[in-house]
Structure formats: C-alpha cells, structure tokens
Amino acid sequence: MNASGFFRLDPDTLIAIAGMTAMTLTCRVGGYWLFSRMKPSQTLRDGFGYVPASMLIALIAPTLANAGLAYAVGAVAAAAAMFMTRSFVVATLLGLGACWAIWEY
C-alpha cells in the first residue's frame, strides 16, 4: 500500500497475474482437449467432481490454521452462510463482515 492508501500495481505483480492467468487457461483448455479425445469412465468423472473442493481446502486450511481468530470466525461465518443460503455472494459478505467485526471491536 502506498502513502495515499491505495495498492500499487508494479510490474512483478502484473507478471505474476499474467502467469497465473496463462496457467489457469492452459489447464482448462488442456482438460477440455483431453476429454474431447477420450471417453472417461463414470468413476473418473465422479472423482473429478471432488477435485475443486479438495484443492480449495488444501489452499485454505494451512492459511487458516496460522491466521488468527478473526480469520477463523470469518471462515466459520462464511461456511455457515454458504450451507444455509447456497449463495457465494452472501457467504463472502458474511465472512468478510465477521472478520471486520473482530478486527474493529
């Protein structure tokens, strides 16, 4: 953050964002290309259905374990909101609001 309170976008950040974008696109297009050439079994299709959730947990769990009370409360609030409403927007807003409430009070 710079002196005016806004984030600065430097060339290294732009390169990192471009690289991550390229890798994400490559993985998605590669997956579509691969599965257009072969017929996956139902077991394989079912298995791939769990990959996004397990990758998300693998990314979030270590961070959450070391982050502190505000993040833990936010994660629980977001998970509860997602479970009850099935709305990503509501879960995100509630999780962020819970974090903010802990930070501020």
C-alpha atoms as a PDB file:
ATOM      1  CA  MET A   1       0.000   0.000   0.000  1.00  0.00           C
ATOM      2  CA  ASN A   2       1.379   3.408  -0.818  1.00  0.00           C
ATOM      3  CA  ALA A   3       1.078   6.648   1.150  1.00  0.00           C
ATOM      4  CA  SER A   4      -2.297   7.568  -0.346  1.00  0.00           C
ATOM      5  CA  GLY A   5      -3.833   4.327   0.933  1.00  0.00           C
ATOM      6  CA  PHE A   6      -4.180   2.608  -2.436  1.00  0.00           C
ATOM      7  CA  PHE A   7      -2.438  -0.520  -3.601  1.00  0.00           C
ATOM      8  CA  ARG A   8       0.351  -0.061  -6.081  1.00  0.00           C
ATOM      9  CA  LEU A   9       0.459  -2.276  -9.162  1.00  0.00           C
ATOM     10  CA  ASP A  10       4.073  -2.937 -10.013  1.00  0.00           C
ATOM     11  CA  PRO A  11       5.476  -4.925 -12.981  1.00  0.00           C
ATOM     12  CA  ASP A  12       6.240  -8.001 -10.842  1.00  0.00           C
ATOM     13  CA  THR A  13       2.615  -8.202  -9.762  1.00  0.00           C
ATOM     14  CA  LEU A  14       1.400  -7.876 -13.338  1.00  0.00           C
ATOM     15  CA  ILE A  15       3.785 -10.635 -14.446  1.00  0.00           C
ATOM     16  CA  ALA A  16       2.549 -12.907 -11.639  1.00  0.00           C
ATOM     17  CA  ILE A  17      -1.105 -12.257 -12.532  1.00  0.00           C
ATOM     18  CA  ALA A  18      -0.424 -12.861 -16.230  1.00  0.00           C
ATOM     19  CA  GLY A  19       1.432 -16.091 -15.434  1.00  0.00           C
ATOM     20  CA  MET A  20      -1.343 -17.399 -13.221  1.00  0.00           C
ATOM     21  CA  THR A  21      -3.910 -16.475 -15.853  1.00  0.00           C
ATOM     22  CA  ALA A  22      -1.944 -18.298 -18.546  1.00  0.00           C
ATOM     23  CA  MET A  23      -1.560 -21.427 -16.403  1.00  0.00           C
ATOM     24  CA  THR A  24      -5.255 -21.468 -15.469  1.00  0.00           C
ATOM     25  CA  LEU A  25      -6.261 -21.097 -19.107  1.00  0.00           C
ATOM     26  CA  THR A  26      -3.800 -23.814 -20.149  1.00  0.00           C
ATOM     27  CA  CYS A  27      -5.174 -26.245 -17.554  1.00  0.00           C
ATOM     28  CA  ARG A  28      -8.779 -25.574 -18.513  1.00  0.00           C
ATOM     29  CA  VAL A  29      -8.239 -25.763 -22.265  1.00  0.00           C
ATOM     30  CA  GLY A  30      -5.990 -28.800 -21.835  1.00  0.00           C
ATOM     31  CA  GLY A  31      -8.663 -30.582 -19.829  1.00  0.00           C
ATOM     32  CA  TYR A  32     -11.313 -29.900 -22.432  1.00  0.00           C
ATOM     33  CA  TRP A  33      -8.954 -31.008 -25.194  1.00  0.00           C
ATOM     34  CA  LEU A  34      -8.028 -34.226 -23.372  1.00  0.00           C
ATOM     35  CA  PHE A  35     -11.604 -35.204 -22.582  1.00  0.00           C
ATOM     36  CA  SER A  36     -12.759 -34.413 -26.110  1.00  0.00           C
ATOM     37  CA  ARG A  37     -10.333 -37.104 -27.289  1.00  0.00           C
ATOM     38  CA  MET A  38     -11.283 -39.811 -24.773  1.00  0.00           C
ATOM     39  CA  LYS A  39     -14.395 -41.109 -23.009  1.00  0.00           C
ATOM     40  CA  PRO A  40     -13.782 -41.073 -19.234  1.00  0.00           C
ATOM     41  CA  SER A  41     -15.416 -43.740 -17.085  1.00  0.00           C
ATOM     42  CA  GLN A  42     -18.148 -42.771 -14.636  1.00  0.00           C
ATOM     43  CA  THR A  43     -15.756 -43.424 -11.732  1.00  0.00           C
ATOM     44  CA  LEU A  44     -13.237 -40.981 -13.179  1.00  0.00           C
ATOM     45  CA  ARG A  45     -15.966 -38.391 -13.763  1.00  0.00           C
ATOM     46  CA  ASP A  46     -17.187 -38.768 -10.182  1.00  0.00           C
ATOM     47  CA  GLY A  47     -13.628 -38.443  -8.887  1.00  0.00           C
ATOM     48  CA  PHE A  48     -13.018 -35.251 -10.811  1.00  0.00           C
ATOM     49  CA  GLY A  49     -16.168 -33.845  -9.264  1.00  0.00           C
ATOM     50  CA  TYR A  50     -14.357 -33.693  -5.900  1.00  0.00           C
ATOM     51  CA  VAL A  51     -11.138 -32.081  -7.155  1.00  0.00           C
ATOM     52  CA  PRO A  52     -12.195 -28.393  -6.882  1.00  0.00           C
ATOM     53  CA  ALA A  53     -13.341 -28.747  -3.266  1.00  0.00           C
ATOM     54  CA  SER A  54     -10.245 -30.665  -2.215  1.00  0.00           C
ATOM     55  CA  MET A  55      -7.928 -28.158  -3.903  1.00  0.00           C
ATOM     56  CA  LEU A  56      -9.743 -25.274  -2.225  1.00  0.00           C
ATOM     57  CA  ILE A  57      -9.385 -26.924   1.184  1.00  0.00           C
ATOM     58  CA  ALA A  58      -5.701 -27.658   0.515  1.00  0.00           C
ATOM     59  CA  LEU A  59      -5.149 -23.959  -0.174  1.00  0.00           C
ATOM     60  CA  ILE A  60      -7.283 -22.570   2.649  1.00  0.00           C
ATOM     61  CA  ALA A  61      -6.573 -24.928   5.561  1.00  0.00           C
ATOM     62  CA  PRO A  62      -2.865 -24.113   6.117  1.00  0.00           C
ATOM     63  CA  THR A  63      -3.520 -20.384   5.856  1.00  0.00           C
ATOM     64  CA  LEU A  64      -6.478 -20.566   8.191  1.00  0.00           C
ATOM     65  CA  ALA A  65      -4.514 -22.599  10.731  1.00  0.00           C
ATOM     66  CA  ASN A  66      -1.941 -19.802  11.055  1.00  0.00           C
ATOM     67  CA  ALA A  67      -4.149 -16.745  10.522  1.00  0.00           C
ATOM     68  CA  GLY A  68      -5.740 -15.999  13.869  1.00  0.00           C
ATOM     69  CA  LEU A  69      -9.143 -15.542  15.447  1.00  0.00           C
ATOM     70  CA  ALA A  70     -10.650 -13.035  13.007  1.00  0.00           C
ATOM     71  CA  TYR A  71      -9.988 -15.283  10.021  1.00  0.00           C
ATOM     72  CA  ALA A  72     -11.301 -18.365  11.821  1.00  0.00           C
ATOM     73  CA  VAL A  73     -14.526 -16.555  12.772  1.00  0.00           C
ATOM     74  CA  GLY A  74     -14.861 -15.272   9.198  1.00  0.00           C
ATOM     75  CA  ALA A  75     -14.357 -18.747   7.757  1.00  0.00           C
ATOM     76  CA  VAL A  76     -16.948 -20.279  10.076  1.00  0.00           C
ATOM     77  CA  ALA A  77     -19.422 -17.489   9.279  1.00  0.00           C
ATOM     78  CA  ALA A  78     -18.842 -17.893   5.534  1.00  0.00           C
ATOM     79  CA  ALA A  79     -19.195 -21.686   5.717  1.00  0.00           C
ATOM     80  CA  ALA A  80     -22.414 -21.410   7.714  1.00  0.00           C
ATOM     81  CA  ALA A  81     -23.840 -18.829   5.305  1.00  0.00           C
ATOM     82  CA  MET A  82     -22.924 -20.970   2.302  1.00  0.00           C
ATOM     83  CA  PHE A  83     -24.511 -24.017   3.901  1.00  0.00           C
ATOM     84  CA  MET A  84     -27.726 -22.147   4.705  1.00  0.00           C
ATOM     85  CA  THR A  85     -28.135 -19.940   1.631  1.00  0.00           C
ATOM     86  CA  ARG A  86     -26.048 -21.633  -1.095  1.00  0.00           C
ATOM     87  CA  SER A  87     -25.119 -18.114  -2.201  1.00  0.00           C
ATOM     88  CA  PHE A  88     -21.466 -17.285  -2.796  1.00  0.00           C
ATOM     89  CA  VAL A  89     -22.153 -13.562  -2.519  1.00  0.00           C
ATOM     90  CA  VAL A  90     -23.932 -13.880   0.838  1.00  0.00           C
ATOM     91  CA  ALA A  91     -21.228 -16.191   2.192  1.00  0.00           C
ATOM     92  CA  THR A  92     -18.457 -13.842   1.085  1.00  0.00           C
ATOM     93  CA  LEU A  93     -20.125 -10.773   2.546  1.00  0.00           C
ATOM     94  CA  LEU A  94     -20.902 -12.505   5.835  1.00  0.00           C
ATOM     95  CA  GLY A  95     -17.376 -13.905   6.142  1.00  0.00           C
ATOM     96  CA  LEU A  96     -15.794 -10.532   5.433  1.00  0.00           C
ATOM     97  CA  GLY A  97     -18.223  -8.822   7.792  1.00  0.00           C
ATOM     98  CA  ALA A  98     -17.360 -11.230  10.590  1.00  0.00           C
ATOM     99  CA  CYS A  99     -13.621 -10.617  10.043  1.00  0.00           C
ATOM    100  CA  TRP A 100     -14.164  -6.891  10.044  1.00  0.00           C
ATOM    101  CA  ALA A 101     -16.221  -7.052  13.244  1.00  0.00           C
ATOM    102  CA  ILE A 102     -13.436  -8.942  15.046  1.00  0.00           C
ATOM    103  CA  TRP A 103     -10.768  -6.541  13.758  1.00  0.00           C
ATOM    104  CA  GLU A 104     -12.727  -3.438  14.717  1.00  0.00           C
ATOM    105  CA  TYR A 105     -14.090  -4.483  18.110  1.00  0.00           C
END
